[in-house]
Amino acid sequence: MLILRVLAGLALFILGLLYLVQSKVTVNITTPNKVETKKYTKGVPLILSRIAGIALMILGVLIWIFGFPHFSD
């Protein structure tokens, strides 16, 4: 279980770093008739992507340190 905890925490931390360092975000906007793709290099989508990266990193560190939550019956 310790190996799984460390690997899961490390994977989430690395994924968070990837979200954090990206400089371009692609957003697909879907309507019933068409799909529109926009690329953002600044603005709200990039900020939300960075916030998601930080959240993944924090979750990875918490799983790495404390392990998975145990729900008792």
PDB file of N, CA and C in Angstrom:
ATOM      1  N   MET A   1       0.822  -1.183   0.000  1.00  0.00           N
ATOM      2  CA  MET A   1       0.000   0.000   0.000  1.00  0.00           C
ATOM      3  C   MET A   1       0.871   1.254   0.000  1.00  0.00           C
ATOM      4  N   LEU A   2       2.031   1.164   0.600  1.00  0.00           N
ATOM      5  CA  LEU A   2       2.929   2.309   0.648  1.00  0.00           C
ATOM      6  C   LEU A   2       3.417   2.670  -0.746  1.00  0.00           C
ATOM      7  N   ILE A   3       3.726   1.675  -1.552  1.00  0.00           N
ATOM      8  CA  ILE A   3       4.201   1.945  -2.918  1.00  0.00           C
ATOM      9  C   ILE A   3       3.099   2.602  -3.738  1.00  0.00           C
ATOM     10  N   LEU A   4       1.866   2.124  -3.591  1.00  0.00           N
ATOM     11  CA  LEU A   4       0.736   2.719  -4.304  1.00  0.00           C
ATOM     12  C   LEU A   4       0.521   4.160  -3.876  1.00  0.00           C
ATOM     13  N   ARG A   5       0.652   4.424  -2.589  1.00  0.00           N
ATOM     14  CA  ARG A   5       0.488   5.781  -2.066  1.00  0.00           C
ATOM     15  C   ARG A   5       1.546   6.716  -2.640  1.00  0.00           C
ATOM     16  N   VAL A   6       2.782   6.275  -2.648  1.00  0.00           N
ATOM     17  CA  VAL A   6       3.870   7.106  -3.163  1.00  0.00           C
ATOM     18  C   VAL A   6       3.712   7.326  -4.667  1.00  0.00           C
ATOM     19  N   LEU A   7       3.387   6.284  -5.413  1.00  0.00           N
ATOM     20  CA  LEU A   7       3.235   6.431  -6.864  1.00  0.00           C
ATOM     21  C   LEU A   7       2.044   7.317  -7.226  1.00  0.00           C
ATOM     22  N   ALA A   8       0.931   7.165  -6.518  1.00  0.00           N
ATOM     23  CA  ALA A   8      -0.243   8.004  -6.796  1.00  0.00           C
ATOM     24  C   ALA A   8       0.045   9.460  -6.460  1.00  0.00           C
ATOM     25  N   GLY A   9       0.677   9.698  -5.333  1.00  0.00           N
ATOM     26  CA  GLY A   9       1.023  11.062  -4.950  1.00  0.00           C
ATOM     27  C   GLY A   9       1.999  11.698  -5.928  1.00  0.00           C
ATOM     28  N   LEU A  10       2.987  10.933  -6.352  1.00  0.00           N
ATOM     29  CA  LEU A  10       3.970  11.450  -7.302  1.00  0.00           C
ATOM     30  C   LEU A  10       3.338  11.726  -8.663  1.00  0.00           C
ATOM     31  N   ALA A  11       2.445  10.842  -9.102  1.00  0.00           N
ATOM     32  CA  ALA A  11       1.780  11.044 -10.389  1.00  0.00           C
ATOM     33  C   ALA A  11       0.915  12.299 -10.367  1.00  0.00           C
ATOM     34  N   LEU A  12       0.149  12.502  -9.307  1.00  0.00           N
ATOM     35  CA  LEU A  12      -0.681  13.700  -9.207  1.00  0.00           C
ATOM     36  C   LEU A  12       0.171  14.964  -9.125  1.00  0.00           C
ATOM     37  N   PHE A  13       1.282  14.888  -8.416  1.00  0.00           N
ATOM     38  CA  PHE A  13       2.166  16.047  -8.309  1.00  0.00           C
ATOM     39  C   PHE A  13       2.752  16.407  -9.674  1.00  0.00           C
ATOM     40  N   ILE A  14       3.188  15.418 -10.438  1.00  0.00           N
ATOM     41  CA  ILE A  14       3.758  15.671 -11.770  1.00  0.00           C
ATOM     42  C   ILE A  14       2.689  16.216 -12.718  1.00  0.00           C
ATOM     43  N   LEU A  15       1.474  15.656 -12.661  1.00  0.00           N
ATOM     44  CA  LEU A  15       0.383  16.183 -13.488  1.00  0.00           C
ATOM     45  C   LEU A  15       0.066  17.631 -13.121  1.00  0.00           C
ATOM     46  N   GLY A  16       0.108  17.939 -11.845  1.00  0.00           N
ATOM     47  CA  GLY A  16      -0.100  19.323 -11.411  1.00  0.00           C
ATOM     48  C   GLY A  16       0.971  20.251 -11.954  1.00  0.00           C
ATOM     49  N   LEU A  17       2.216  19.786 -11.958  1.00  0.00           N
ATOM     50  CA  LEU A  17       3.297  20.598 -12.536  1.00  0.00           C
ATOM     51  C   LEU A  17       3.086  20.829 -14.026  1.00  0.00           C
ATOM     52  N   LEU A  18       2.610  19.809 -14.727  1.00  0.00           N
ATOM     53  CA  LEU A  18       2.352  19.974 -16.156  1.00  0.00           C
ATOM     54  C   LEU A  18       1.263  21.011 -16.409  1.00  0.00           C
ATOM     55  N   TYR A  19       0.205  20.990 -15.605  1.00  0.00           N
ATOM     56  CA  TYR A  19      -0.847  21.998 -15.732  1.00  0.00           C
ATOM     57  C   TYR A  19      -0.311  23.388 -15.396  1.00  0.00           C
ATOM     58  N   LEU A  20       0.580  23.448 -14.431  1.00  0.00           N
ATOM     59  CA  LEU A  20       1.072  24.732 -13.945  1.00  0.00           C
ATOM     60  C   LEU A  20       1.991  25.427 -14.945  1.00  0.00           C
ATOM     61  N   VAL A  21       2.799  24.673 -15.671  1.00  0.00           N
ATOM     62  CA  VAL A  21       3.797  25.303 -16.543  1.00  0.00           C
ATOM     63  C   VAL A  21       3.324  25.497 -17.985  1.00  0.00           C
ATOM     64  N   GLN A  22       2.128  25.022 -18.321  1.00  0.00           N
ATOM     65  CA  GLN A  22       1.693  25.203 -19.702  1.00  0.00           C
ATOM     66  C   GLN A  22       1.409  26.674 -19.977  1.00  0.00           C
ATOM     67  N   SER A  23       1.720  27.107 -21.197  1.00  0.00           N
ATOM     68  CA  SER A  23       1.573  28.518 -21.553  1.00  0.00           C
ATOM     69  C   SER A  23       0.408  28.765 -22.499  1.00  0.00           C
ATOM     70  N   LYS A  24      -0.250  27.709 -22.974  1.00  0.00           N
ATOM     71  CA  LYS A  24      -1.370  27.858 -23.896  1.00  0.00           C
ATOM     72  C   LYS A  24      -2.454  26.856 -23.523  1.00  0.00           C
ATOM     73  N   VAL A  25      -3.691  27.343 -23.456  1.00  0.00           N
ATOM     74  CA  VAL A  25      -4.829  26.492 -23.114  1.00  0.00           C
ATOM     75  C   VAL A  25      -5.780  26.476 -24.303  1.00  0.00           C
ATOM     76  N   THR A  26      -6.193  25.290 -24.723  1.00  0.00           N
ATOM     77  CA  THR A  26      -7.146  25.146 -25.823  1.00  0.00           C
ATOM     78  C   THR A  26      -8.512  24.802 -25.241  1.00  0.00           C
ATOM     79  N   VAL A  27      -9.513  25.585 -25.638  1.00  0.00           N
ATOM     80  CA  VAL A  27     -10.877  25.389 -25.135  1.00  0.00           C
ATOM     81  C   VAL A  27     -11.786  25.098 -26.319  1.00  0.00           C
ATOM     82  N   ASN A  28     -12.547  24.008 -26.238  1.00  0.00           N
ATOM     83  CA  ASN A  28     -13.538  23.679 -27.257  1.00  0.00           C
ATOM     84  C   ASN A  28     -14.907  24.135 -26.770  1.00  0.00           C
ATOM     85  N   ILE A  29     -15.555  24.984 -27.571  1.00  0.00           N
ATOM     86  CA  ILE A  29     -16.890  25.468 -27.251  1.00  0.00           C
ATOM     87  C   ILE A  29     -17.864  24.751 -28.186  1.00  0.00           C
ATOM     88  N   THR A  30     -18.767  23.988 -27.611  1.00  0.00           N
ATOM     89  CA  THR A  30     -19.670  23.162 -28.399  1.00  0.00           C
ATOM     90  C   THR A  30     -21.076  23.745 -28.369  1.00  0.00           C
ATOM     91  N   THR A  31     -21.647  23.908 -29.556  1.00  0.00           N
ATOM     92  CA  THR A  31     -23.057  24.269 -29.714  1.00  0.00           C
ATOM     93  C   THR A  31     -23.710  23.145 -30.508  1.00  0.00           C
ATOM     94  N   PRO A  32     -25.028  23.117 -30.601  1.00  0.00           N
ATOM     95  CA  PRO A  32     -25.656  22.020 -31.351  1.00  0.00           C
ATOM     96  C   PRO A  32     -25.227  21.952 -32.821  1.00  0.00           C
ATOM     97  N   ASN A  33     -24.813  23.058 -33.410  1.00  0.00           N
ATOM     98  CA  ASN A  33     -24.488  23.074 -34.840  1.00  0.00           C
ATOM     99  C   ASN A  33     -23.007  22.997 -35.147  1.00  0.00           C
ATOM    100  N   LYS A  34     -22.151  23.388 -34.206  1.00  0.00           N
ATOM    101  CA  LYS A  34     -20.722  23.455 -34.527  1.00  0.00           C
ATOM    102  C   LYS A  34     -19.871  23.340 -33.266  1.00  0.00           C
ATOM    103  N   VAL A  35     -18.600  23.132 -33.502  1.00  0.00           N
ATOM    104  CA  VAL A  35     -17.609  23.119 -32.432  1.00  0.00           C
ATOM    105  C   VAL A  35     -16.579  24.194 -32.757  1.00  0.00           C
ATOM    106  N   GLU A  36     -16.351  25.071 -31.811  1.00  0.00           N
ATOM    107  CA  GLU A  36     -15.401  26.163 -32.011  1.00  0.00           C
ATOM    108  C   GLU A  36     -14.226  25.967 -31.056  1.00  0.00           C
ATOM    109  N   THR A  37     -13.019  26.096 -31.567  1.00  0.00           N
ATOM    110  CA  THR A  37     -11.816  25.933 -30.766  1.00  0.00           C
ATOM    111  C   THR A  37     -11.127  27.281 -30.606  1.00  0.00           C
ATOM    112  N   LYS A  38     -10.815  27.615 -29.361  1.00  0.00           N
ATOM    113  CA  LYS A  38     -10.091  28.854 -29.075  1.00  0.00           C
ATOM    114  C   LYS A  38      -8.844  28.513 -28.277  1.00  0.00           C
ATOM    115  N   LYS A  39      -7.764  29.227 -28.568  1.00  0.00           N
ATOM    116  CA  LYS A  39      -6.514  29.055 -27.836  1.00  0.00           C
ATOM    117  C   LYS A  39      -6.238  30.317 -27.043  1.00  0.00           C
ATOM    118  N   TYR A  40      -5.971  30.130 -25.759  1.00  0.00           N
ATOM    119  CA  TYR A  40      -5.729  31.254 -24.866  1.00  0.00           C
ATOM    120  C   TYR A  40      -4.296  31.220 -24.359  1.00  0.00           C
ATOM    121  N   THR A  41      -3.636  32.381 -24.387  1.00  0.00           N
ATOM    122  CA  THR A  41      -2.308  32.509 -23.790  1.00  0.00           C
ATOM    123  C   THR A  41      -2.349  33.382 -22.543  1.00  0.00           C
ATOM    124  N   LYS A  42      -3.509  33.974 -22.272  1.00  0.00           N
ATOM    125  CA  LYS A  42      -3.721  34.726 -21.037  1.00  0.00           C
ATOM    126  C   LYS A  42      -5.218  34.774 -20.782  1.00  0.00           C
ATOM    127  N   GLY A  43      -5.589  35.199 -19.624  1.00  0.00           N
ATOM    128  CA  GLY A  43      -6.995  35.309 -19.296  1.00  0.00           C
ATOM    129  C   GLY A  43      -7.471  34.233 -18.334  1.00  0.00           C
ATOM    130  N   VAL A  44      -8.785  34.174 -18.194  1.00  0.00           N
ATOM    131  CA  VAL A  44      -9.417  33.302 -17.205  1.00  0.00           C
ATOM    132  C   VAL A  44      -9.120  31.814 -17.442  1.00  0.00           C
ATOM    133  N   PRO A  45      -9.191  31.291 -18.680  1.00  0.00           N
ATOM    134  CA  PRO A  45      -8.909  29.852 -18.840  1.00  0.00           C
ATOM    135  C   PRO A  45      -7.500  29.457 -18.395  1.00  0.00           C
ATOM    136  N   LEU A  46      -6.520  30.313 -18.658  1.00  0.00           N
ATOM    137  CA  LEU A  46      -5.150  30.006 -18.231  1.00  0.00           C
ATOM    138  C   LEU A  46      -5.034  30.071 -16.707  1.00  0.00           C
ATOM    139  N   ILE A  47      -5.701  31.032 -16.091  1.00  0.00           N
ATOM    140  CA  ILE A  47      -5.673  31.143 -14.630  1.00  0.00           C
ATOM    141  C   ILE A  47      -6.349  29.925 -13.994  1.00  0.00           C
ATOM    142  N   LEU A  48      -7.489  29.498 -14.549  1.00  0.00           N
ATOM    143  CA  LEU A  48      -8.173  28.319 -14.015  1.00  0.00           C
ATOM    144  C   LEU A  48      -7.338  27.057 -14.187  1.00  0.00           C
ATOM    145  N   SER A  49      -6.602  26.977 -15.287  1.00  0.00           N
ATOM    146  CA  SER A  49      -5.721  25.833 -15.510  1.00  0.00           C
ATOM    147  C   SER A  49      -4.598  25.804 -14.473  1.00  0.00           C
ATOM    148  N   ARG A  50      -4.070  26.959 -14.159  1.00  0.00           N
ATOM    149  CA  ARG A  50      -3.009  27.016 -13.145  1.00  0.00           C
ATOM    150  C   ARG A  50      -3.543  26.695 -11.757  1.00  0.00           C
ATOM    151  N   ILE A  51      -4.759  27.144 -11.469  1.00  0.00           N
ATOM    152  CA  ILE A  51      -5.369  26.800 -10.179  1.00  0.00           C
ATOM    153  C   ILE A  51      -5.587  25.297 -10.090  1.00  0.00           C
ATOM    154  N   ALA A  52      -6.024  24.675 -11.185  1.00  0.00           N
ATOM    155  CA  ALA A  52      -6.202  23.222 -11.208  1.00  0.00           C
ATOM    156  C   ALA A  52      -4.861  22.518 -10.995  1.00  0.00           C
ATOM    157  N   GLY A  53      -3.784  23.051 -11.579  1.00  0.00           N
ATOM    158  CA  GLY A  53      -2.466  22.466 -11.380  1.00  0.00           C
ATOM    159  C   GLY A  53      -2.026  22.523  -9.930  1.00  0.00           C
ATOM    160  N   ILE A  54      -2.280  23.654  -9.288  1.00  0.00           N
ATOM    161  CA  ILE A  54      -1.917  23.796  -7.869  1.00  0.00           C
ATOM    162  C   ILE A  54      -2.744  22.829  -7.023  1.00  0.00           C
ATOM    163  N   ALA A  55      -4.036  22.691  -7.348  1.00  0.00           N
ATOM    164  CA  ALA A  55      -4.892  21.773  -6.589  1.00  0.00           C
ATOM    165  C   ALA A  55      -4.418  20.325  -6.744  1.00  0.00           C
ATOM    166  N   LEU A  56      -4.025  19.934  -7.967  1.00  0.00           N
ATOM    167  CA  LEU A  56      -3.504  18.575  -8.179  1.00  0.00           C
ATOM    168  C   LEU A  56      -2.210  18.351  -7.400  1.00  0.00           C
ATOM    169  N   MET A  57      -1.350  19.362  -7.372  1.00  0.00           N
ATOM    170  CA  MET A  57      -0.098  19.231  -6.625  1.00  0.00           C
ATOM    171  C   MET A  57      -0.366  19.067  -5.133  1.00  0.00           C
ATOM    172  N   ILE A  58      -1.295  19.861  -4.604  1.00  0.00           N
ATOM    173  CA  ILE A  58      -1.628  19.757  -3.178  1.00  0.00           C
ATOM    174  C   ILE A  58      -2.226  18.395  -2.868  1.00  0.00           C
ATOM    175  N   LEU A  59      -3.138  17.921  -3.722  1.00  0.00           N
ATOM    176  CA  LEU A  59      -3.737  16.598  -3.523  1.00  0.00           C
ATOM    177  C   LEU A  59      -2.672  15.502  -3.580  1.00  0.00           C
ATOM    178  N   GLY A  60      -1.738  15.615  -4.515  1.00  0.00           N
ATOM    179  CA  GLY A  60      -0.656  14.636  -4.615  1.00  0.00           C
ATOM    180  C   GLY A  60       0.208  14.602  -3.376  1.00  0.00           C
ATOM    181  N   VAL A  61       0.537  15.777  -2.846  1.00  0.00           N
ATOM    182  CA  VAL A  61       1.370  15.836  -1.635  1.00  0.00           C
ATOM    183  C   VAL A  61       0.613  15.262  -0.443  1.00  0.00           C
ATOM    184  N   LEU A  62      -0.682  15.580  -0.334  1.00  0.00           N
ATOM    185  CA  LEU A  62      -1.463  15.047   0.783  1.00  0.00           C
ATOM    186  C   LEU A  62      -1.569  13.525   0.728  1.00  0.00           C
ATOM    187  N   ILE A  63      -1.788  12.974  -0.465  1.00  0.00           N
ATOM    188  CA  ILE A  63      -1.836  11.510  -0.590  1.00  0.00           C
ATOM    189  C   ILE A  63      -0.467  10.912  -0.311  1.00  0.00           C
ATOM    190  N   TRP A  64       0.580  11.565  -0.773  1.00  0.00           N
ATOM    191  CA  TRP A  64       1.932  11.077  -0.555  1.00  0.00           C
ATOM    192  C   TRP A  64       2.252  11.021   0.944  1.00  0.00           C
ATOM    193  N   ILE A  65       1.865  12.053   1.676  1.00  0.00           N
ATOM    194  CA  ILE A  65       2.215  12.127   3.098  1.00  0.00           C
ATOM    195  C   ILE A  65       1.274  11.293   3.968  1.00  0.00           C
ATOM    196  N   PHE A  66      -0.044  11.496   3.782  1.00  0.00           N
ATOM    197  CA  PHE A  66      -1.006  10.893   4.698  1.00  0.00           C
ATOM    198  C   PHE A  66      -1.641   9.615   4.175  1.00  0.00           C
ATOM    199  N   GLY A  67      -1.525   9.344   2.890  1.00  0.00           N
ATOM    200  CA  GLY A  67      -2.129   8.136   2.328  1.00  0.00           C
ATOM    201  C   GLY A  67      -3.565   8.384   1.899  1.00  0.00           C
ATOM    202  N   PHE A  68      -4.236   7.304   1.541  1.00  0.00           N
ATOM    203  CA  PHE A  68      -5.608   7.385   1.098  1.00  0.00           C
ATOM    204  C   PHE A  68      -6.532   7.449   2.320  1.00  0.00           C
ATOM    205  N   PRO A  69      -7.675   8.109   2.189  1.00  0.00           N
ATOM    206  CA  PRO A  69      -8.593   8.159   3.329  1.00  0.00           C
ATOM    207  C   PRO A  69      -9.211   6.791   3.598  1.00  0.00           C
ATOM    208  N   HIS A  70      -9.418   6.495   4.854  1.00  0.00           N
ATOM    209  CA  HIS A  70     -10.030   5.231   5.273  1.00  0.00           C
ATOM    210  C   HIS A  70     -11.419   5.534   5.806  1.00  0.00           C
ATOM    211  N   PHE A  71     -12.403   4.923   5.219  1.00  0.00           N
ATOM    212  CA  PHE A  71     -13.770   5.099   5.665  1.00  0.00           C
ATOM    213  C   PHE A  71     -14.177   3.866   6.458  1.00  0.00           C
ATOM    214  N   SER A  72     -14.421   4.064   7.736  1.00  0.00           N
ATOM    215  CA  SER A  72     -14.787   2.911   8.577  1.00  0.00           C
ATOM    216  C   SER A  72     -16.308   2.777   8.627  1.00  0.00           C
ATOM    217  N   ASP A  73     -16.744   1.552   8.783  1.00  0.00           N
ATOM    218  CA  ASP A  73     -18.184   1.278   8.836  1.00  0.00           C
ATOM    219  C   ASP A  73     -18.702   1.403  10.237  1.00  0.00           C
TER     220      ASP A  73
END
